[in-house]
Amino acid sequence: MIGESSKSVGFLGKLKEKVTPPNVHVSVTLKKQFFSIGENLEGAVQILPSEEVDCDEIRCEIACTERVRKVKRVYSPSLKKEVEQEVWDSAVLFSSKPQLSGPAHLSQGVALSFPFSVPIPPHLPPSMKSLDRRVEWSLKGVVAVKGRPDAASKTVELVVVPRELAQQPQPSTVTCKYCGTFYSQSLDRCPNCGAPRTA
């Protein structure tokens, strides 16, 4: 009876693992507030595991999505005639998933930082929002573990500007020597790990 009970608990534990992502806090920091078309998107993915876990890879996922508002004629069963309806057509203009680390053992409580530098293709449009068209750039960090859902950061909306606007000055940043986070030089402490600024 006890053996059957422990088998049941073991089965439920494995089932739970398959439907829950690893307990790893993932966040993304950027080196600048905005980037221009044609330059490198630079930043870092920070991870802080709350459990021991073997991951397959650590990556970031970058996407550029265009949404265009259109008016289409559709048949309305209730009115028994065609009516005009507003719809948003969506298309992915760019998608990239650069690997920052291959298979690795993540130790509980040990913070790690993985820098990235990904070129923004020069032929793509910058961020924009208008009444009938939107171009959105997004970024997130991902820890992938075989057989389990990914642990991922919140999706960060990027500000990508035309090349000529990139000449405007941006606030200076420093890099935390403990966790690798980029943050404004005006702050005394790292907003990610709380360590005092050393430079």
N, C-alpha and C. Protein backbone atom coordinates (compact mmCIF):
# COMPACT_ATOMS: atom_id res chain seq x y z
N MET A 1 0.83 -1.21 0.00
CA MET A 1 0.00 0.00 0.00
C MET A 1 0.86 1.26 0.00
N ILE A 2 1.90 1.22 0.89
CA ILE A 2 2.81 2.37 0.98
C ILE A 2 3.58 2.52 -0.33
N GLY A 3 3.99 1.38 -0.91
CA GLY A 3 4.70 1.42 -2.18
C GLY A 3 3.87 2.03 -3.28
N GLU A 4 2.57 1.65 -3.32
CA GLU A 4 1.68 2.20 -4.33
C GLU A 4 1.51 3.70 -4.15
N SER A 5 1.43 4.12 -2.88
CA SER A 5 1.26 5.55 -2.58
C SER A 5 2.46 6.36 -3.03
N SER A 6 3.67 5.84 -2.77
CA SER A 6 4.89 6.56 -3.17
C SER A 6 5.03 6.60 -4.69
N LYS A 7 4.58 5.50 -5.37
CA LYS A 7 4.60 5.50 -6.83
C LYS A 7 3.68 6.57 -7.39
N SER A 8 2.51 6.69 -6.74
CA SER A 8 1.52 7.70 -7.16
C SER A 8 2.08 9.10 -7.01
N VAL A 9 2.74 9.36 -5.86
CA VAL A 9 3.34 10.67 -5.61
C VAL A 9 4.44 10.95 -6.63
N GLY A 10 5.27 9.92 -6.92
CA GLY A 10 6.34 10.08 -7.91
C GLY A 10 5.79 10.39 -9.29
N PHE A 11 4.70 9.71 -9.66
CA PHE A 11 4.07 9.94 -10.97
C PHE A 11 3.51 11.35 -11.05
N LEU A 12 2.84 11.78 -9.98
CA LEU A 12 2.26 13.13 -9.96
C LEU A 12 3.35 14.19 -10.02
N GLY A 13 4.49 13.90 -9.36
CA GLY A 13 5.61 14.84 -9.38
C GLY A 13 6.16 15.01 -10.79
N LYS A 14 6.29 13.88 -11.50
CA LYS A 14 6.78 13.94 -12.89
C LYS A 14 5.78 14.63 -13.80
N LEU A 15 4.48 14.37 -13.57
CA LEU A 15 3.43 15.00 -14.36
C LEU A 15 3.44 16.51 -14.15
N LYS A 16 3.62 16.92 -12.89
CA LYS A 16 3.67 18.35 -12.57
C LYS A 16 4.85 19.02 -13.26
N GLU A 17 6.00 18.33 -13.28
CA GLU A 17 7.20 18.87 -13.94
C GLU A 17 6.95 19.12 -15.42
N LYS A 18 6.16 18.22 -16.06
CA LYS A 18 5.93 18.35 -17.50
C LYS A 18 5.06 19.55 -17.85
N VAL A 19 4.26 20.02 -16.89
CA VAL A 19 3.34 21.13 -17.19
C VAL A 19 3.75 22.44 -16.54
N THR A 20 4.79 22.41 -15.70
CA THR A 20 5.24 23.65 -15.06
C THR A 20 6.67 23.97 -15.49
N PRO A 21 6.95 25.23 -15.81
CA PRO A 21 8.32 25.61 -16.18
C PRO A 21 9.25 25.51 -14.98
N PRO A 22 10.56 25.39 -15.20
CA PRO A 22 11.50 25.37 -14.08
C PRO A 22 11.41 26.66 -13.28
N ASN A 23 11.67 26.56 -11.98
CA ASN A 23 11.58 27.72 -11.09
C ASN A 23 12.85 28.56 -11.22
N VAL A 24 12.90 29.29 -12.32
CA VAL A 24 14.07 30.14 -12.63
C VAL A 24 13.56 31.53 -12.97
N HIS A 25 14.05 32.54 -12.23
CA HIS A 25 13.67 33.92 -12.54
C HIS A 25 14.52 34.40 -13.72
N VAL A 26 13.87 34.86 -14.77
CA VAL A 26 14.56 35.33 -15.97
C VAL A 26 14.20 36.80 -16.21
N SER A 27 15.20 37.63 -16.45
CA SER A 27 14.95 39.04 -16.75
C SER A 27 15.90 39.50 -17.85
N VAL A 28 15.55 40.61 -18.48
CA VAL A 28 16.35 41.16 -19.58
C VAL A 28 16.67 42.61 -19.28
N THR A 29 17.93 43.00 -19.50
CA THR A 29 18.31 44.41 -19.40
C THR A 29 18.93 44.83 -20.73
N LEU A 30 18.72 46.09 -21.08
CA LEU A 30 19.24 46.63 -22.34
C LEU A 30 20.33 47.65 -22.05
N LYS A 31 21.30 47.75 -22.95
CA LYS A 31 22.42 48.66 -22.75
C LYS A 31 22.01 50.12 -22.97
N LYS A 32 20.95 50.33 -23.79
CA LYS A 32 20.48 51.68 -24.09
C LYS A 32 18.95 51.71 -24.04
N GLN A 33 18.40 52.92 -24.01
CA GLN A 33 16.95 53.06 -23.98
C GLN A 33 16.34 52.81 -25.36
N PHE A 34 17.09 53.13 -26.41
CA PHE A 34 16.59 52.86 -27.76
C PHE A 34 17.75 52.51 -28.69
N PHE A 35 17.41 51.81 -29.77
CA PHE A 35 18.40 51.37 -30.74
C PHE A 35 17.94 51.80 -32.13
N SER A 36 18.90 51.90 -33.05
CA SER A 36 18.54 52.34 -34.40
C SER A 36 18.61 51.17 -35.38
N ILE A 37 17.87 51.32 -36.47
CA ILE A 37 17.89 50.34 -37.55
C ILE A 37 19.33 50.18 -38.04
N GLY A 38 19.80 48.94 -38.17
CA GLY A 38 21.14 48.68 -38.69
C GLY A 38 22.21 48.52 -37.63
N GLU A 39 21.94 48.90 -36.37
CA GLU A 39 22.96 48.73 -35.34
C GLU A 39 22.70 47.45 -34.55
N ASN A 40 23.58 47.15 -33.59
CA ASN A 40 23.43 45.94 -32.79
C ASN A 40 22.56 46.20 -31.56
N LEU A 41 21.63 45.30 -31.33
CA LEU A 41 20.82 45.32 -30.11
C LEU A 41 21.65 44.65 -29.02
N GLU A 42 22.00 45.42 -27.98
CA GLU A 42 22.90 44.90 -26.95
C GLU A 42 22.24 44.92 -25.58
N GLY A 43 22.51 43.87 -24.82
CA GLY A 43 21.96 43.78 -23.47
C GLY A 43 22.41 42.48 -22.84
N ALA A 44 21.65 42.01 -21.86
CA ALA A 44 21.99 40.76 -21.18
C ALA A 44 20.72 40.09 -20.66
N VAL A 45 20.76 38.75 -20.65
CA VAL A 45 19.70 37.96 -20.02
C VAL A 45 20.23 37.51 -18.67
N GLN A 46 19.51 37.88 -17.59
CA GLN A 46 19.91 37.48 -16.24
C GLN A 46 19.03 36.33 -15.76
N ILE A 47 19.62 35.36 -15.13
CA ILE A 47 18.82 34.26 -14.58
C ILE A 47 19.20 34.03 -13.12
N LEU A 48 18.20 33.66 -12.32
CA LEU A 48 18.41 33.32 -10.91
C LEU A 48 17.57 32.08 -10.61
N PRO A 49 18.19 30.88 -10.60
CA PRO A 49 17.44 29.65 -10.36
C PRO A 49 17.03 29.50 -8.89
N SER A 50 15.80 29.06 -8.67
CA SER A 50 15.34 28.73 -7.31
C SER A 50 15.28 27.23 -7.12
N GLU A 51 15.81 26.48 -8.10
CA GLU A 51 15.93 25.02 -8.01
C GLU A 51 17.12 24.59 -8.86
N GLU A 52 17.66 23.43 -8.54
CA GLU A 52 18.72 22.86 -9.38
C GLU A 52 18.09 22.38 -10.68
N VAL A 53 18.65 22.76 -11.80
CA VAL A 53 18.05 22.35 -13.07
C VAL A 53 19.11 22.25 -14.16
N ASP A 54 18.94 21.26 -15.04
CA ASP A 54 19.80 21.12 -16.21
C ASP A 54 19.03 21.66 -17.41
N CYS A 55 19.56 22.73 -18.01
CA CYS A 55 18.84 23.33 -19.15
C CYS A 55 19.49 22.91 -20.47
N ASP A 56 18.68 22.95 -21.52
CA ASP A 56 19.18 22.64 -22.87
C ASP A 56 19.86 23.84 -23.50
N GLU A 57 19.29 25.02 -23.27
CA GLU A 57 19.88 26.24 -23.81
C GLU A 57 19.30 27.46 -23.12
N ILE A 58 20.05 28.55 -23.24
CA ILE A 58 19.57 29.87 -22.82
C ILE A 58 19.64 30.74 -24.06
N ARG A 59 18.54 31.43 -24.36
CA ARG A 59 18.49 32.21 -25.59
C ARG A 59 17.68 33.47 -25.36
N CYS A 60 17.78 34.38 -26.34
CA CYS A 60 16.84 35.50 -26.36
C CYS A 60 16.03 35.40 -27.64
N GLU A 61 14.81 35.91 -27.60
CA GLU A 61 13.92 35.86 -28.76
C GLU A 61 13.53 37.28 -29.14
N ILE A 62 13.87 37.65 -30.37
CA ILE A 62 13.61 39.01 -30.86
C ILE A 62 12.63 38.91 -32.02
N ALA A 63 11.65 39.80 -32.05
CA ALA A 63 10.68 39.76 -33.14
C ALA A 63 10.26 41.17 -33.52
N CYS A 64 9.95 41.33 -34.80
CA CYS A 64 9.36 42.58 -35.32
C CYS A 64 8.04 42.19 -35.98
N THR A 65 6.95 42.75 -35.46
CA THR A 65 5.62 42.41 -35.95
C THR A 65 4.92 43.65 -36.48
N GLU A 66 4.32 43.52 -37.65
CA GLU A 66 3.56 44.62 -38.24
C GLU A 66 2.07 44.29 -38.19
N ARG A 67 1.27 45.26 -37.72
CA ARG A 67 -0.18 45.09 -37.71
C ARG A 67 -0.81 46.23 -38.50
N VAL A 68 -1.67 45.88 -39.45
CA VAL A 68 -2.31 46.87 -40.32
C VAL A 68 -3.83 46.75 -40.17
N ARG A 69 -4.47 47.89 -39.93
CA ARG A 69 -5.93 47.89 -39.80
C ARG A 69 -6.58 47.95 -41.18
N LYS A 70 -7.51 47.05 -41.41
CA LYS A 70 -8.21 47.01 -42.69
C LYS A 70 -9.72 46.90 -42.45
N VAL A 71 -10.47 47.33 -43.43
CA VAL A 71 -11.92 47.19 -43.37
C VAL A 71 -12.32 46.11 -44.38
N LYS A 72 -12.96 45.07 -43.88
CA LYS A 72 -13.39 43.97 -44.74
C LYS A 72 -14.91 43.84 -44.71
N ARG A 73 -15.45 43.36 -45.80
CA ARG A 73 -16.89 43.11 -45.85
C ARG A 73 -17.13 41.64 -45.47
N VAL A 74 -17.95 41.45 -44.44
CA VAL A 74 -18.26 40.10 -43.98
C VAL A 74 -19.78 39.94 -43.89
N TYR A 75 -20.23 38.71 -44.04
CA TYR A 75 -21.67 38.46 -43.98
C TYR A 75 -22.12 38.34 -42.53
N SER A 76 -23.17 39.06 -42.16
CA SER A 76 -23.73 39.00 -40.82
C SER A 76 -25.00 38.16 -40.84
N PRO A 77 -25.00 36.99 -40.18
CA PRO A 77 -26.19 36.13 -40.16
C PRO A 77 -27.40 36.81 -39.51
N SER A 78 -27.13 37.63 -38.48
CA SER A 78 -28.25 38.28 -37.78
C SER A 78 -28.92 39.36 -38.64
N LEU A 79 -28.09 40.10 -39.40
CA LEU A 79 -28.64 41.15 -40.27
C LEU A 79 -28.99 40.62 -41.67
N LYS A 80 -28.49 39.43 -41.95
CA LYS A 80 -28.71 38.78 -43.26
C LYS A 80 -28.22 39.64 -44.43
N LYS A 81 -27.07 40.26 -44.20
CA LYS A 81 -26.46 41.04 -45.28
C LYS A 81 -24.98 41.24 -44.96
N GLU A 82 -24.23 41.73 -45.95
CA GLU A 82 -22.80 42.02 -45.74
C GLU A 82 -22.65 43.35 -45.01
N VAL A 83 -21.72 43.35 -44.04
CA VAL A 83 -21.44 44.59 -43.30
C VAL A 83 -19.93 44.81 -43.29
N GLU A 84 -19.53 46.04 -43.07
CA GLU A 84 -18.09 46.36 -42.97
C GLU A 84 -17.62 46.10 -41.55
N GLN A 85 -16.46 45.46 -41.45
CA GLN A 85 -15.90 45.14 -40.14
C GLN A 85 -14.41 45.47 -40.12
N GLU A 86 -13.98 46.10 -39.02
CA GLU A 86 -12.56 46.44 -38.87
C GLU A 86 -11.80 45.23 -38.37
N VAL A 87 -10.68 44.93 -39.02
CA VAL A 87 -9.81 43.84 -38.57
C VAL A 87 -8.36 44.30 -38.62
N TRP A 88 -7.54 43.66 -37.79
CA TRP A 88 -6.10 43.95 -37.80
C TRP A 88 -5.38 42.74 -38.38
N ASP A 89 -4.75 42.93 -39.54
CA ASP A 89 -3.92 41.87 -40.13
C ASP A 89 -2.53 41.95 -39.52
N SER A 90 -2.00 40.80 -39.11
CA SER A 90 -0.70 40.77 -38.44
C SER A 90 0.29 39.94 -39.26
N ALA A 91 1.54 40.42 -39.33
CA ALA A 91 2.60 39.69 -40.04
C ALA A 91 3.92 39.84 -39.29
N VAL A 92 4.66 38.75 -39.15
CA VAL A 92 5.98 38.79 -38.51
C VAL A 92 7.01 39.15 -39.58
N LEU A 93 7.63 40.32 -39.43
CA LEU A 93 8.62 40.78 -40.41
C LEU A 93 10.01 40.23 -40.13
N PHE A 94 10.27 39.93 -38.85
CA PHE A 94 11.60 39.46 -38.46
C PHE A 94 11.48 38.66 -37.18
N SER A 95 12.21 37.55 -37.11
CA SER A 95 12.23 36.73 -35.90
C SER A 95 13.60 36.09 -35.78
N SER A 96 14.19 36.19 -34.59
CA SER A 96 15.52 35.61 -34.37
C SER A 96 15.59 35.06 -32.95
N LYS A 97 16.23 33.89 -32.80
CA LYS A 97 16.36 33.26 -31.48
C LYS A 97 17.82 32.88 -31.23
N PRO A 98 18.70 33.89 -31.08
CA PRO A 98 20.12 33.58 -30.88
C PRO A 98 20.38 32.85 -29.56
N GLN A 99 21.18 31.78 -29.65
CA GLN A 99 21.53 31.00 -28.46
C GLN A 99 22.66 31.70 -27.70
N LEU A 100 22.47 31.89 -26.40
CA LEU A 100 23.48 32.53 -25.56
C LEU A 100 24.29 31.50 -24.79
N SER A 101 23.72 30.31 -24.59
CA SER A 101 24.43 29.22 -23.91
C SER A 101 23.82 27.90 -24.34
N GLY A 102 24.66 26.88 -24.46
CA GLY A 102 24.19 25.54 -24.75
C GLY A 102 23.78 24.85 -23.45
N PRO A 103 23.78 23.50 -23.43
CA PRO A 103 23.40 22.77 -22.23
C PRO A 103 24.24 23.18 -21.02
N ALA A 104 23.57 23.39 -19.88
CA ALA A 104 24.28 23.84 -18.68
C ALA A 104 23.53 23.41 -17.43
N HIS A 105 24.28 23.22 -16.35
CA HIS A 105 23.66 22.94 -15.04
C HIS A 105 23.52 24.25 -14.29
N LEU A 106 22.30 24.56 -13.88
CA LEU A 106 22.04 25.80 -13.14
C LEU A 106 21.89 25.47 -11.66
N SER A 107 22.73 26.07 -10.84
CA SER A 107 22.70 25.81 -9.40
C SER A 107 21.74 26.75 -8.70
N GLN A 108 21.02 26.22 -7.74
CA GLN A 108 20.04 27.02 -7.00
C GLN A 108 20.70 28.22 -6.32
N GLY A 109 20.13 29.41 -6.53
CA GLY A 109 20.61 30.61 -5.87
C GLY A 109 21.82 31.27 -6.50
N VAL A 110 22.35 30.71 -7.59
CA VAL A 110 23.54 31.29 -8.25
C VAL A 110 23.08 32.12 -9.46
N ALA A 111 23.23 33.45 -9.35
CA ALA A 111 22.81 34.35 -10.43
C ALA A 111 23.83 34.32 -11.57
N LEU A 112 23.33 34.31 -12.80
CA LEU A 112 24.18 34.31 -13.98
C LEU A 112 23.70 35.36 -14.96
N SER A 113 24.64 35.88 -15.75
CA SER A 113 24.30 36.89 -16.75
C SER A 113 24.88 36.47 -18.10
N PHE A 114 24.06 36.58 -19.14
CA PHE A 114 24.48 36.18 -20.49
C PHE A 114 24.30 37.36 -21.44
N PRO A 115 25.40 38.03 -21.80
CA PRO A 115 25.30 39.19 -22.70
C PRO A 115 24.94 38.77 -24.12
N PHE A 116 24.30 39.67 -24.85
CA PHE A 116 23.99 39.40 -26.25
C PHE A 116 24.22 40.66 -27.08
N SER A 117 24.51 40.45 -28.35
CA SER A 117 24.66 41.54 -29.31
C SER A 117 24.13 41.02 -30.65
N VAL A 118 22.95 41.49 -31.02
CA VAL A 118 22.26 40.97 -32.21
C VAL A 118 22.03 42.10 -33.20
N PRO A 119 22.49 41.96 -34.46
CA PRO A 119 22.29 43.02 -35.45
C PRO A 119 20.81 43.19 -35.81
N ILE A 120 20.38 44.45 -35.88
CA ILE A 120 19.03 44.77 -36.34
C ILE A 120 19.11 44.97 -37.85
N PRO A 121 18.44 44.14 -38.65
CA PRO A 121 18.56 44.25 -40.12
C PRO A 121 18.22 45.66 -40.62
N PRO A 122 19.05 46.20 -41.52
CA PRO A 122 18.87 47.59 -41.97
C PRO A 122 17.64 47.83 -42.85
N HIS A 123 17.05 46.75 -43.40
CA HIS A 123 15.92 46.93 -44.32
C HIS A 123 14.56 46.94 -43.61
N LEU A 124 14.56 46.74 -42.29
CA LEU A 124 13.28 46.65 -41.57
C LEU A 124 12.81 48.02 -41.06
N PRO A 125 11.50 48.19 -40.84
CA PRO A 125 10.99 49.48 -40.37
C PRO A 125 11.23 49.69 -38.88
N PRO A 126 11.30 50.96 -38.44
CA PRO A 126 11.44 51.25 -37.01
C PRO A 126 10.11 51.06 -36.28
N SER A 127 10.14 51.19 -34.96
CA SER A 127 8.91 51.13 -34.17
C SER A 127 7.99 52.27 -34.58
N MET A 128 6.70 51.99 -34.65
CA MET A 128 5.75 53.06 -34.96
C MET A 128 4.34 52.64 -34.54
N LYS A 129 3.53 53.64 -34.17
CA LYS A 129 2.13 53.41 -33.83
C LYS A 129 1.29 54.52 -34.44
N SER A 130 0.38 54.16 -35.32
CA SER A 130 -0.55 55.13 -35.90
C SER A 130 -1.96 54.54 -35.83
N LEU A 131 -2.93 55.26 -36.35
CA LEU A 131 -4.31 54.80 -36.27
C LEU A 131 -4.54 53.50 -37.03
N ASP A 132 -3.81 53.33 -38.14
CA ASP A 132 -4.07 52.14 -38.95
C ASP A 132 -2.85 51.25 -39.19
N ARG A 133 -1.72 51.55 -38.53
CA ARG A 133 -0.54 50.70 -38.70
C ARG A 133 0.32 50.73 -37.45
N ARG A 134 0.81 49.56 -37.06
CA ARG A 134 1.71 49.46 -35.91
C ARG A 134 2.87 48.54 -36.26
N VAL A 135 4.07 48.98 -35.90
CA VAL A 135 5.25 48.12 -36.01
C VAL A 135 5.84 48.01 -34.61
N GLU A 136 5.87 46.79 -34.10
CA GLU A 136 6.33 46.57 -32.73
C GLU A 136 7.52 45.62 -32.71
N TRP A 137 8.57 46.04 -31.98
CA TRP A 137 9.74 45.21 -31.75
C TRP A 137 9.66 44.67 -30.32
N SER A 138 9.95 43.39 -30.14
CA SER A 138 9.86 42.80 -28.81
C SER A 138 11.05 41.88 -28.54
N LEU A 139 11.30 41.66 -27.25
CA LEU A 139 12.45 40.85 -26.83
C LEU A 139 12.10 40.13 -25.53
N LYS A 140 12.53 38.88 -25.41
CA LYS A 140 12.42 38.18 -24.13
C LYS A 140 13.57 37.19 -23.99
N GLY A 141 13.89 36.85 -22.74
CA GLY A 141 14.91 35.86 -22.45
C GLY A 141 14.24 34.53 -22.11
N VAL A 142 14.89 33.42 -22.50
CA VAL A 142 14.28 32.10 -22.33
C VAL A 142 15.31 31.10 -21.80
N VAL A 143 14.88 30.29 -20.82
CA VAL A 143 15.66 29.14 -20.36
C VAL A 143 14.86 27.90 -20.77
N ALA A 144 15.42 27.09 -21.67
CA ALA A 144 14.72 25.91 -22.19
C ALA A 144 15.21 24.64 -21.49
N VAL A 145 14.25 23.85 -20.99
CA VAL A 145 14.56 22.58 -20.32
C VAL A 145 13.78 21.47 -21.02
N LYS A 146 14.46 20.41 -21.41
CA LYS A 146 13.81 19.32 -22.15
C LYS A 146 12.66 18.71 -21.34
N GLY A 147 11.51 18.56 -22.01
CA GLY A 147 10.37 17.93 -21.36
C GLY A 147 9.56 18.83 -20.46
N ARG A 148 9.93 20.12 -20.38
CA ARG A 148 9.18 21.06 -19.54
C ARG A 148 8.94 22.35 -20.31
N PRO A 149 7.91 23.11 -19.95
CA PRO A 149 7.70 24.42 -20.59
C PRO A 149 8.90 25.33 -20.31
N ASP A 150 9.14 26.28 -21.20
CA ASP A 150 10.25 27.22 -21.02
C ASP A 150 10.00 28.15 -19.83
N ALA A 151 11.09 28.52 -19.16
CA ALA A 151 11.05 29.63 -18.20
C ALA A 151 11.42 30.87 -19.00
N ALA A 152 10.60 31.90 -18.95
CA ALA A 152 10.83 33.08 -19.79
C ALA A 152 10.65 34.36 -19.00
N SER A 153 11.33 35.41 -19.46
CA SER A 153 11.16 36.73 -18.86
C SER A 153 9.87 37.35 -19.37
N LYS A 154 9.51 38.49 -18.80
CA LYS A 154 8.43 39.27 -19.38
C LYS A 154 8.90 39.77 -20.75
N THR A 155 7.97 39.91 -21.68
CA THR A 155 8.32 40.42 -23.00
C THR A 155 8.56 41.93 -22.91
N VAL A 156 9.72 42.36 -23.37
CA VAL A 156 10.10 43.77 -23.33
C VAL A 156 9.80 44.40 -24.69
N GLU A 157 9.11 45.53 -24.69
CA GLU A 157 8.87 46.24 -25.95
C GLU A 157 10.08 47.12 -26.24
N LEU A 158 10.70 46.90 -27.39
CA LEU A 158 11.90 47.66 -27.77
C LEU A 158 11.51 48.94 -28.48
N VAL A 159 12.35 49.95 -28.33
CA VAL A 159 12.19 51.19 -29.09
C VAL A 159 13.28 51.21 -30.16
N VAL A 160 12.88 51.00 -31.41
CA VAL A 160 13.82 50.99 -32.53
C VAL A 160 13.51 52.19 -33.40
N VAL A 161 14.51 53.06 -33.58
CA VAL A 161 14.29 54.33 -34.27
C VAL A 161 15.03 54.35 -35.61
N PRO A 162 14.63 55.27 -36.52
CA PRO A 162 15.40 55.45 -37.76
C PRO A 162 16.83 55.85 -37.44
N ARG A 163 17.74 55.54 -38.33
CA ARG A 163 19.16 55.76 -38.07
C ARG A 163 19.49 57.21 -37.74
N GLU A 164 18.81 58.17 -38.40
CA GLU A 164 19.14 59.59 -38.18
C GLU A 164 18.78 60.06 -36.77
N LEU A 165 17.80 59.41 -36.12
CA LEU A 165 17.42 59.80 -34.76
C LEU A 165 18.37 59.24 -33.70
N ALA A 166 19.17 58.27 -34.08
CA ALA A 166 20.06 57.62 -33.12
C ALA A 166 21.20 58.51 -32.68
N GLN A 167 21.39 59.65 -33.36
CA GLN A 167 22.49 60.55 -33.00
C GLN A 167 22.19 61.32 -31.72
N GLN A 168 20.92 61.31 -31.26
CA GLN A 168 20.57 62.03 -30.04
C GLN A 168 21.25 61.38 -28.84
N PRO A 169 21.74 62.20 -27.88
CA PRO A 169 22.43 61.64 -26.71
C PRO A 169 21.50 60.81 -25.84
N GLN A 170 22.04 59.73 -25.27
CA GLN A 170 21.28 58.90 -24.35
C GLN A 170 21.98 58.90 -22.99
N PRO A 171 21.22 58.64 -21.90
CA PRO A 171 21.83 58.61 -20.57
C PRO A 171 22.94 57.57 -20.50
N SER A 172 24.05 57.91 -19.80
CA SER A 172 25.16 56.98 -19.66
C SER A 172 24.75 55.81 -18.77
N THR A 173 25.29 54.63 -19.08
CA THR A 173 24.98 53.44 -18.27
C THR A 173 26.27 52.84 -17.71
N VAL A 174 26.10 52.08 -16.62
CA VAL A 174 27.20 51.32 -16.04
C VAL A 174 26.76 49.86 -15.98
N THR A 175 27.74 48.96 -15.85
CA THR A 175 27.44 47.53 -15.77
C THR A 175 27.75 47.03 -14.37
N CYS A 176 26.77 46.35 -13.75
CA CYS A 176 26.98 45.78 -12.41
C CYS A 176 28.01 44.66 -12.51
N LYS A 177 29.07 44.73 -11.70
CA LYS A 177 30.12 43.72 -11.79
C LYS A 177 29.70 42.40 -11.13
N TYR A 178 28.58 42.42 -10.40
CA TYR A 178 28.12 41.21 -9.73
C TYR A 178 27.14 40.39 -10.58
N CYS A 179 26.17 41.07 -11.23
CA CYS A 179 25.17 40.31 -11.99
C CYS A 179 25.12 40.67 -13.47
N GLY A 180 25.89 41.69 -13.90
CA GLY A 180 25.97 42.04 -15.32
C GLY A 180 24.87 42.94 -15.84
N THR A 181 23.99 43.44 -14.95
CA THR A 181 22.89 44.31 -15.37
C THR A 181 23.42 45.68 -15.81
N PHE A 182 22.86 46.22 -16.91
CA PHE A 182 23.15 47.59 -17.32
C PHE A 182 22.13 48.50 -16.66
N TYR A 183 22.60 49.61 -16.08
CA TYR A 183 21.64 50.55 -15.49
C TYR A 183 22.20 51.97 -15.53
N SER A 184 21.31 52.94 -15.31
CA SER A 184 21.68 54.35 -15.44
C SER A 184 22.76 54.74 -14.44
N GLN A 185 23.68 55.59 -14.90
CA GLN A 185 24.78 56.06 -14.06
C GLN A 185 24.27 56.92 -12.91
N SER A 186 23.03 57.38 -13.01
CA SER A 186 22.47 58.23 -11.96
C SER A 186 22.07 57.43 -10.72
N LEU A 187 22.01 56.08 -10.83
CA LEU A 187 21.62 55.24 -9.70
C LEU A 187 22.84 54.83 -8.88
N ASP A 188 22.67 54.74 -7.55
CA ASP A 188 23.76 54.34 -6.66
C ASP A 188 23.87 52.83 -6.51
N ARG A 189 22.75 52.13 -6.77
CA ARG A 189 22.73 50.68 -6.60
C ARG A 189 22.14 49.99 -7.82
N CYS A 190 22.53 48.74 -8.03
CA CYS A 190 21.99 47.95 -9.14
C CYS A 190 20.51 47.66 -8.88
N PRO A 191 19.62 47.97 -9.83
CA PRO A 191 18.20 47.71 -9.62
C PRO A 191 17.85 46.22 -9.64
N ASN A 192 18.79 45.38 -10.13
CA ASN A 192 18.53 43.94 -10.22
C ASN A 192 18.94 43.19 -8.96
N CYS A 193 20.19 43.41 -8.49
CA CYS A 193 20.67 42.64 -7.33
C CYS A 193 20.92 43.50 -6.09
N GLY A 194 20.84 44.84 -6.24
CA GLY A 194 20.99 45.72 -5.08
C GLY A 194 22.42 46.05 -4.70
N ALA A 195 23.40 45.54 -5.47
CA ALA A 195 24.81 45.81 -5.15
C ALA A 195 25.14 47.29 -5.37
N PRO A 196 26.00 47.88 -4.50
CA PRO A 196 26.38 49.28 -4.70
C PRO A 196 27.19 49.47 -5.98
N ARG A 197 27.04 50.66 -6.58
CA ARG A 197 27.78 50.95 -7.81
C ARG A 197 29.26 51.06 -7.51
N THR A 198 30.08 50.47 -8.37
CA THR A 198 31.53 50.46 -8.12
C THR A 198 32.28 51.37 -9.06
N ALA A 199 31.57 51.95 -10.05
CA ALA A 199 32.26 52.84 -11.00
C ALA A 199 31.39 54.03 -11.29
